[in-house]
């Protein structure tokens, strides 16, 4: 694995959006502010001291249970009768869920206990810091095995003998907005997974929308997979196994890479849209945020001493904004001079990005750029979407 020790600091211009508040996986991690202040060792951006490489490599536990298992791991669903926050039947197909953005923590962004919290959920998020990472987002530890926080200028922050910053005010927090999917009953999650798998298996055509989300044609009707939970489950599946469990074939050949059982450059390119569709639409992705998300979701995690992180190889990833969106159009509502709104076909590259190009390759920074661009497109489509007259759409 290629390691580059550049002091790369992600933009912290907004609170981006996807913390898996109820995930049982997340409770195994210690976080920066909570554990370091008490002098305990910590994981995941905490001040844990390494003691050699541990053997706890892992993948999402739900993979063994297929897509429904991933749903249960993400939501913390355990067969209880707790309702999903958004609706009694567990449906959350809006791409802006009413339960997104649970306030709490510093400056009201993340860290608070969700209203549906059970005894095992608690306040899972302490302070997550911007830390020194390699190109793939893997933490670069000190000789003593500590994670290394960075200040706003990208400088290393001096640590005490227990690995805690001498001046904690210099640290930069990575604030994860809540996407609280609650603790759904297993029956609800199994039903949801069955529906997604059935749609994919029954589709007679498959394409993607302007943001890269899957659009399936079933019985002559197009349906966009826009549910945050469904997109997050697909993201986890692709990033762990390079395939969507329960689906062996898709219409045509253009998207065979989604079910071939191998994590490829095509899977990485597609996954940015699934991650973007799962997050709050108004946040801003950062490299540290995505690295923390992947670790919370237990995607290809390994441990070094007490520090646990995801290992994903981005060396094959390439993104260019103009190449991706330059020829993409979408019909949205555009305000007219008289104040009315008229359905209008616009070019995404012009309307969303002001024809400003950006590109990157080979690292988590490039992946983050692509994911945040996809988030912006999803948000644009949501804000100016032309209402459908077809209730089944």
Protein backbone atom coordinates (compact mmCIF):
# COMPACT_ATOMS: atom_id res chain seq x y z
CA UNK A 1 0.00 0.00 0.00
CA UNK A 2 1.37 3.37 -1.01
CA UNK A 3 1.73 5.74 1.93
CA UNK A 4 2.09 9.47 1.61
CA UNK A 5 2.59 11.53 4.73
CA UNK A 6 1.23 14.81 3.45
CA UNK A 7 -0.56 16.94 6.02
CA UNK A 8 -3.88 17.00 4.29
CA UNK A 9 -6.65 18.87 6.08
CA UNK A 10 -10.19 18.42 4.82
CA UNK A 11 -12.48 21.40 4.44
CA UNK A 12 -14.61 21.83 7.54
CA UNK A 13 -17.12 24.21 5.99
CA UNK A 14 -20.25 22.46 7.09
CA UNK A 15 -21.58 19.61 9.14
CA UNK A 16 -21.98 16.65 6.90
CA UNK A 17 -24.25 14.01 7.55
CA UNK A 18 -24.21 10.45 8.19
CA UNK A 19 -23.56 8.97 11.54
CA UNK A 20 -25.01 5.61 12.23
CA UNK A 21 -26.36 6.48 15.62
CA UNK A 22 -27.90 3.14 16.40
CA UNK A 23 -25.35 0.79 14.91
CA UNK A 24 -24.29 -1.94 17.34
CA UNK A 25 -20.91 -1.88 15.64
CA UNK A 26 -20.36 1.73 16.68
CA UNK A 27 -20.58 0.97 20.37
CA UNK A 28 -17.31 -0.95 20.14
CA UNK A 29 -15.39 2.21 19.33
CA UNK A 30 -14.02 4.75 21.78
CA UNK A 31 -13.97 8.34 20.64
CA UNK A 32 -11.50 11.13 20.95
CA UNK A 33 -12.89 13.52 23.50
CA UNK A 34 -14.56 10.97 25.75
CA UNK A 35 -11.73 8.52 26.27
CA UNK A 36 -8.72 10.81 26.00
CA UNK A 37 -9.97 13.11 28.74
CA UNK A 38 -10.30 10.21 31.12
CA UNK A 39 -6.82 8.94 30.29
CA UNK A 40 -8.17 5.72 28.74
CA UNK A 41 -7.00 4.30 25.48
CA UNK A 42 -9.29 4.91 22.55
CA UNK A 43 -10.01 3.93 18.98
CA UNK A 44 -11.17 5.73 15.93
CA UNK A 45 -9.48 9.04 16.28
CA UNK A 46 -9.25 8.79 20.05
CA UNK A 47 -5.95 8.87 21.82
CA UNK A 48 -5.46 5.13 21.89
CA UNK A 49 -1.94 3.82 22.24
CA UNK A 50 -1.04 1.03 19.85
CA UNK A 51 0.61 -2.14 21.04
CA UNK A 52 1.32 -3.81 17.74
CA UNK A 53 -1.11 -4.85 15.08
CA UNK A 54 -4.16 -6.62 16.34
CA UNK A 55 -6.03 -9.35 14.57
CA UNK A 56 -9.49 -7.84 14.56
CA UNK A 57 -9.95 -7.36 10.88
CA UNK A 58 -13.61 -7.44 10.05
CA UNK A 59 -16.41 -6.82 7.65
CA UNK A 60 -19.97 -5.74 8.23
CA UNK A 61 -21.57 -8.44 10.34
CA UNK A 62 -24.79 -8.25 8.39
CA UNK A 63 -23.11 -9.49 5.23
CA UNK A 64 -23.69 -13.03 6.42
CA UNK A 65 -27.41 -12.27 6.56
CA UNK A 66 -27.59 -10.66 3.15
CA UNK A 67 -29.06 -7.22 2.56
CA UNK A 68 -31.49 -7.60 5.47
CA UNK A 69 -28.54 -8.31 7.75
CA UNK A 70 -26.88 -5.10 6.61
CA UNK A 71 -30.11 -3.21 7.33
CA UNK A 72 -30.19 -4.65 10.85
CA UNK A 73 -26.55 -3.75 11.50
CA UNK A 74 -27.05 -0.20 10.27
CA UNK A 75 -30.20 0.46 12.28
CA UNK A 76 -29.51 -1.66 15.33
CA UNK A 77 -32.71 -3.59 14.58
CA UNK A 78 -32.82 -6.64 16.83
CA UNK A 79 -36.31 -7.99 16.57
CA UNK A 80 -37.70 -5.51 19.07
CA UNK A 81 -40.98 -3.69 18.62
CA UNK A 82 -39.36 -0.27 18.54
CA UNK A 83 -40.77 1.74 15.62
CA UNK A 84 -38.69 3.45 13.02
CA UNK A 85 -38.77 7.13 13.79
CA UNK A 86 -39.97 8.28 10.39
CA UNK A 87 -43.09 6.18 9.98
CA UNK A 88 -44.98 3.31 11.54
CA UNK A 89 -44.48 1.00 8.59
CA UNK A 90 -40.77 1.73 8.39
CA UNK A 91 -40.89 3.43 5.00
CA UNK A 92 -38.42 6.28 4.56
CA UNK A 93 -38.32 6.70 0.79
CA UNK A 94 -37.96 10.45 0.82
CA UNK A 95 -34.48 11.59 -0.06
CA UNK A 96 -34.73 14.13 2.75
CA UNK A 97 -35.87 12.08 5.77
CA UNK A 98 -37.78 13.94 8.46
CA UNK A 99 -35.57 12.32 11.06
CA UNK A 100 -32.27 13.57 9.63
CA UNK A 101 -30.20 16.11 11.48
CA UNK A 102 -30.84 15.20 15.11
CA UNK A 103 -29.38 18.04 17.15
CA UNK A 104 -26.93 17.58 19.94
CA UNK A 105 -23.27 17.87 20.82
CA UNK A 106 -21.07 20.86 20.19
CA UNK A 107 -22.84 23.68 18.33
CA UNK A 108 -25.94 21.51 18.01
CA UNK A 109 -24.38 19.25 15.38
CA UNK A 110 -24.35 15.57 16.21
CA UNK A 111 -23.48 13.93 19.48
CA UNK A 112 -26.94 14.00 21.03
CA UNK A 113 -28.97 10.98 22.01
CA UNK A 114 -31.68 10.21 19.42
CA UNK A 115 -35.30 10.30 20.60
CA UNK A 116 -35.72 6.57 19.92
CA UNK A 117 -32.58 5.64 21.81
CA UNK A 118 -32.70 2.37 23.70
CA UNK A 119 -30.56 1.17 26.55
CA UNK A 120 -27.77 0.04 24.25
CA UNK A 121 -27.55 3.16 22.14
CA UNK A 122 -26.65 5.99 24.45
CA UNK A 123 -24.53 8.92 23.38
CA UNK A 124 -22.14 7.17 21.01
CA UNK A 125 -20.27 10.14 19.66
CA UNK A 126 -17.64 12.11 21.50
CA UNK A 127 -15.19 14.43 19.80
CA UNK A 128 -13.84 13.16 16.50
CA UNK A 129 -10.71 14.96 15.41
CA UNK A 130 -9.08 15.72 12.09
CA UNK A 131 -6.00 13.51 12.21
CA UNK A 132 -2.95 12.68 10.12
CA UNK A 133 -3.86 10.06 7.51
CA UNK A 134 -2.34 8.52 4.40
CA UNK A 135 -3.87 8.76 0.93
CA UNK A 136 -6.37 6.01 1.71
CA UNK A 137 -7.51 7.60 4.97
CA UNK A 138 -5.58 5.22 7.21
CA UNK A 139 -4.37 6.96 10.41
CA UNK A 140 -0.61 7.54 10.55
CA UNK A 141 0.33 6.82 14.15
CA UNK A 142 3.17 8.25 16.17
CA UNK A 143 6.12 6.07 17.16
CA UNK A 144 4.35 5.49 20.45
CA UNK A 145 1.21 4.30 18.67
CA UNK A 146 -0.97 7.39 19.18
CA UNK A 147 -3.20 8.94 16.54
CA UNK A 148 -1.89 12.39 15.54
CA UNK A 149 -4.43 15.27 15.58
CA UNK A 150 -3.85 18.26 13.30
CA UNK A 151 -4.59 21.93 13.83
CA UNK A 152 -6.31 24.23 11.34
CA UNK A 153 -3.03 24.90 9.55
CA UNK A 154 -2.24 21.21 9.12
CA UNK A 155 0.41 21.22 11.84
CA UNK A 156 0.93 18.33 14.23
CA UNK A 157 -0.46 19.02 17.70
CA UNK A 158 1.93 18.18 20.55
CA UNK A 159 0.80 15.24 22.68
CA UNK A 160 1.39 14.40 26.31
CA UNK A 161 2.79 11.08 27.52
CA UNK A 162 -0.69 9.53 27.33
CA UNK A 163 -1.26 10.66 23.75
CA UNK A 164 -3.64 13.50 24.60
CA UNK A 165 -3.21 16.92 22.92
CA UNK A 166 -1.41 19.35 25.23
CA UNK A 167 -3.75 22.05 23.92
CA UNK A 168 -7.06 20.47 22.96
CA UNK A 169 -8.38 23.82 21.74
CA UNK A 170 -6.14 23.40 18.69
CA UNK A 171 -7.94 20.26 17.52
CA UNK A 172 -10.54 20.36 14.77
CA UNK A 173 -13.69 18.35 15.33
CA UNK A 174 -15.23 16.27 12.57
CA UNK A 175 -18.91 16.70 13.24
CA UNK A 176 -21.18 13.96 11.98
CA UNK A 177 -24.80 14.97 11.48
CA UNK A 178 -27.27 12.38 12.67
CA UNK A 179 -29.08 10.13 10.25
CA UNK A 180 -31.18 8.38 12.86
CA UNK A 181 -32.80 5.33 11.33
CA UNK A 182 -33.92 4.02 14.70
CA UNK A 183 -34.04 0.44 15.93
CA UNK A 184 -36.42 -1.16 13.48
CA UNK A 185 -38.09 -4.52 14.10
CA UNK A 186 -36.35 -7.33 12.24
CA UNK A 187 -39.56 -8.07 10.35
CA UNK A 188 -39.62 -4.53 8.95
CA UNK A 189 -35.98 -4.68 7.85
CA UNK A 190 -36.38 -8.13 6.30
CA UNK A 191 -39.41 -6.89 4.38
CA UNK A 192 -37.48 -3.85 3.21
CA UNK A 193 -34.54 -5.94 2.02
CA UNK A 194 -36.87 -8.36 0.24
CA UNK A 195 -38.50 -5.44 -1.57
CA UNK A 196 -35.17 -4.01 -2.77
CA UNK A 197 -33.91 -7.40 -3.92
CA UNK A 198 -37.23 -8.12 -5.67
CA UNK A 199 -37.10 -4.78 -7.47
CA UNK A 200 -33.55 -5.42 -8.65
CA UNK A 201 -34.35 -8.97 -9.75
CA UNK A 202 -37.63 -8.02 -11.45
CA UNK A 203 -36.32 -4.96 -13.26
CA UNK A 204 -36.51 -5.05 -17.04
CA UNK A 205 -34.29 -2.01 -17.39
CA UNK A 206 -31.71 -0.32 -15.21
CA UNK A 207 -30.20 3.13 -15.48
CA UNK A 208 -29.02 5.87 -13.14
CA UNK A 209 -30.38 9.35 -12.57
CA UNK A 210 -28.36 12.56 -12.81
CA UNK A 211 -26.83 11.93 -9.37
CA UNK A 212 -25.96 8.30 -10.09
CA UNK A 213 -28.78 6.73 -8.06
CA UNK A 214 -30.27 3.51 -9.43
CA UNK A 215 -33.46 3.86 -11.50
CA UNK A 216 -35.26 0.56 -12.08
CA UNK A 217 -38.00 -0.17 -14.60
CA UNK A 218 -40.48 -2.69 -13.21
CA UNK A 219 -43.79 -3.38 -14.99
CA UNK A 220 -43.16 -0.39 -17.21
CA UNK A 221 -42.77 2.03 -14.30
CA UNK A 222 -39.51 3.74 -13.35
CA UNK A 223 -38.57 3.78 -9.67
CA UNK A 224 -35.55 5.57 -8.24
CA UNK A 225 -33.95 3.96 -5.21
CA UNK A 226 -33.77 7.12 -3.10
CA UNK A 227 -34.30 5.76 0.41
CA UNK A 228 -31.28 6.67 2.58
CA UNK A 229 -31.35 3.28 4.30
CA UNK A 230 -31.45 1.36 1.02
CA UNK A 231 -28.65 3.39 -0.50
CA UNK A 232 -26.53 3.00 2.62
CA UNK A 233 -27.04 -0.76 2.59
CA UNK A 234 -25.98 -0.93 -1.06
CA UNK A 235 -22.93 1.20 -0.25
CA UNK A 236 -21.89 -1.15 2.56
CA UNK A 237 -22.44 -4.21 0.36
CA UNK A 238 -20.35 -2.84 -2.50
CA UNK A 239 -17.53 -1.60 -0.29
CA UNK A 240 -17.22 -4.94 1.50
CA UNK A 241 -18.02 -7.58 -1.11
CA UNK A 242 -18.29 -5.65 -4.38
CA UNK A 243 -21.77 -7.08 -4.87
CA UNK A 244 -25.40 -6.68 -3.80
CA UNK A 245 -26.40 -9.84 -1.86
CA UNK A 246 -29.43 -11.67 -3.22
CA UNK A 247 -29.02 -10.29 -6.73
CA UNK A 248 -27.18 -12.37 -9.31
CA UNK A 249 -28.13 -10.66 -12.56
CA UNK A 250 -29.22 -7.21 -13.71
CA UNK A 251 -30.75 -6.05 -16.99
CA UNK A 252 -28.20 -5.62 -19.76
CA UNK A 253 -24.48 -5.71 -19.08
CA UNK A 254 -23.59 -2.11 -18.17
CA UNK A 255 -24.07 -2.68 -14.43
CA UNK A 256 -22.87 -6.26 -14.07
CA UNK A 257 -20.05 -4.96 -11.88
CA UNK A 258 -22.62 -4.36 -9.12
CA UNK A 259 -23.20 -8.10 -8.73
CA UNK A 260 -19.89 -9.69 -9.75
CA UNK A 261 -18.60 -10.27 -6.22
CA UNK A 262 -15.42 -8.22 -6.66
CA UNK A 263 -14.66 -4.70 -5.47
CA UNK A 264 -13.52 -2.91 -8.61
CA UNK A 265 -12.82 0.63 -9.76
CA UNK A 266 -16.35 0.67 -11.21
CA UNK A 267 -17.82 -0.19 -7.79
CA UNK A 268 -15.83 2.65 -6.21
CA UNK A 269 -17.07 5.08 -8.85
CA UNK A 270 -20.70 4.03 -8.34
CA UNK A 271 -20.50 3.93 -4.55
CA UNK A 272 -20.08 7.69 -4.20
CA UNK A 273 -23.68 8.15 -5.35
CA UNK A 274 -25.04 5.60 -2.87
CA UNK A 275 -23.18 7.28 -0.02
CA UNK A 276 -24.38 10.70 -1.18
CA UNK A 277 -27.99 9.48 -1.34
CA UNK A 278 -27.76 8.22 2.25
CA UNK A 279 -26.60 11.47 3.82
CA UNK A 280 -28.19 14.78 4.77
CA UNK A 281 -28.26 16.69 1.52
CA UNK A 282 -27.09 20.04 2.89
CA UNK A 283 -23.90 18.96 4.63
CA UNK A 284 -20.41 18.88 3.15
CA UNK A 285 -18.40 15.67 3.00
CA UNK A 286 -14.84 15.64 4.33
CA UNK A 287 -12.14 12.99 4.09
CA UNK A 288 -12.07 12.42 7.85
CA UNK A 289 -15.84 12.08 7.94
CA UNK A 290 -15.90 9.37 5.29
CA UNK A 291 -13.03 7.54 7.01
CA UNK A 292 -14.95 7.59 10.30
CA UNK A 293 -18.19 6.49 8.58
CA UNK A 294 -16.49 3.48 7.01
CA UNK A 295 -15.03 2.47 10.36
CA UNK A 296 -18.40 2.87 12.14
CA UNK A 297 -19.91 0.61 9.49
CA UNK A 298 -17.08 -1.89 10.04
CA UNK A 299 -16.14 -1.86 6.38
CA UNK A 300 -12.88 -3.81 5.99
CA UNK A 301 -11.65 -2.79 9.41
CA UNK A 302 -8.32 -3.67 10.95
CA UNK A 303 -6.84 -2.81 14.32
CA UNK A 304 -3.42 -1.53 15.22
CA UNK A 305 -3.11 -1.61 18.95
CA UNK A 306 -6.27 0.10 20.19
CA UNK A 307 -6.88 2.08 17.00
CA UNK A 308 -9.42 0.60 14.60
CA UNK A 309 -9.91 1.92 11.08
CA UNK A 310 -11.07 0.94 7.60
CA UNK A 311 -8.65 -0.01 4.88
CA UNK A 312 -9.89 0.82 1.40
CA UNK A 313 -7.60 1.11 -1.60
CA UNK A 314 -8.49 4.22 -3.61
CA UNK A 315 -5.49 4.00 -5.95
CA UNK A 316 -7.70 2.99 -8.89
CA UNK A 317 -10.27 5.73 -8.28
CA UNK A 318 -10.48 8.58 -10.79
CA UNK A 319 -12.96 11.43 -10.94
CA UNK A 320 -13.45 14.41 -13.21
CA UNK A 321 -16.46 16.67 -12.66
CA UNK A 322 -16.86 17.85 -16.27
CA UNK A 323 -16.53 14.31 -17.62
CA UNK A 324 -19.12 13.04 -15.13
CA UNK A 325 -21.72 15.79 -15.39
CA UNK A 326 -20.85 17.76 -18.52
CA UNK A 327 -23.50 16.07 -20.67
CA UNK A 328 -26.01 15.28 -17.92
CA UNK A 329 -29.37 17.05 -18.01
CA UNK A 330 -32.32 16.98 -15.65
CA UNK A 331 -35.81 18.45 -15.71
CA UNK A 332 -36.43 20.67 -12.72
CA UNK A 333 -38.64 23.60 -11.74
CA UNK A 334 -37.06 26.91 -12.71
CA UNK A 335 -38.44 30.24 -11.55
CA UNK A 336 -39.66 32.47 -14.37
CA UNK A 337 -39.55 36.30 -14.53
CA UNK A 338 -43.19 36.48 -13.43
CA UNK A 339 -42.44 34.45 -10.29
CA UNK A 340 -43.98 31.22 -11.54
CA UNK A 341 -42.06 27.95 -11.82
CA UNK A 342 -41.79 26.11 -15.11
CA UNK A 343 -40.45 22.58 -15.72
CA UNK A 344 -37.19 23.15 -17.57
CA UNK A 345 -34.39 20.88 -18.77
CA UNK A 346 -31.06 22.16 -17.48
CA UNK A 347 -27.46 21.02 -17.75
CA UNK A 348 -26.27 19.73 -14.36
CA UNK A 349 -22.68 20.86 -14.85
CA UNK A 350 -23.86 24.42 -15.49
CA UNK A 351 -26.73 24.61 -13.01
CA UNK A 352 -25.10 22.91 -10.01
CA UNK A 353 -21.40 23.62 -10.48
CA UNK A 354 -21.44 26.86 -12.49
CA UNK A 355 -19.31 25.12 -15.16
CA UNK A 356 -16.38 25.01 -12.72
CA UNK A 357 -14.31 21.88 -13.21
CA UNK A 358 -12.56 19.83 -10.53
CA UNK A 359 -10.85 16.47 -10.58
CA UNK A 360 -8.72 14.05 -8.60
CA UNK A 361 -7.48 10.49 -8.57
CA UNK A 362 -5.85 7.79 -6.51
CA UNK A 363 -6.82 8.81 -2.98
CA UNK A 364 -9.57 9.48 -0.47
CA UNK A 365 -9.47 13.20 -1.29
CA UNK A 366 -10.59 12.48 -4.85
CA UNK A 367 -13.28 10.10 -3.59
CA UNK A 368 -14.55 12.74 -1.16
CA UNK A 369 -14.77 15.30 -3.97
CA UNK A 370 -16.85 12.91 -6.05
CA UNK A 371 -19.12 12.00 -3.13
CA UNK A 372 -19.74 15.63 -2.24
CA UNK A 373 -20.47 16.51 -5.86
CA UNK A 374 -23.02 13.70 -6.00
CA UNK A 375 -24.55 15.00 -2.75
CA UNK A 376 -24.91 18.45 -4.32
CA UNK A 377 -26.68 16.98 -7.34
CA UNK A 378 -29.07 14.96 -5.17
CA UNK A 379 -29.83 18.11 -3.20
CA UNK A 380 -30.45 20.10 -6.38
CA UNK A 381 -32.80 17.45 -7.74
CA UNK A 382 -34.65 17.33 -4.43
CA UNK A 383 -35.02 21.10 -4.10
CA UNK A 384 -36.30 21.68 -7.63
CA UNK A 385 -37.92 18.36 -8.48
CA UNK A 386 -40.94 18.40 -10.77
CA UNK A 387 -43.81 16.73 -8.88
CA UNK A 388 -44.82 13.41 -10.38
CA UNK A 389 -48.46 12.80 -11.26
CA UNK A 390 -47.85 9.07 -11.10
CA UNK A 391 -48.37 7.99 -7.49
CA UNK A 392 -46.45 4.76 -8.15
CA UNK A 393 -43.29 6.64 -9.14
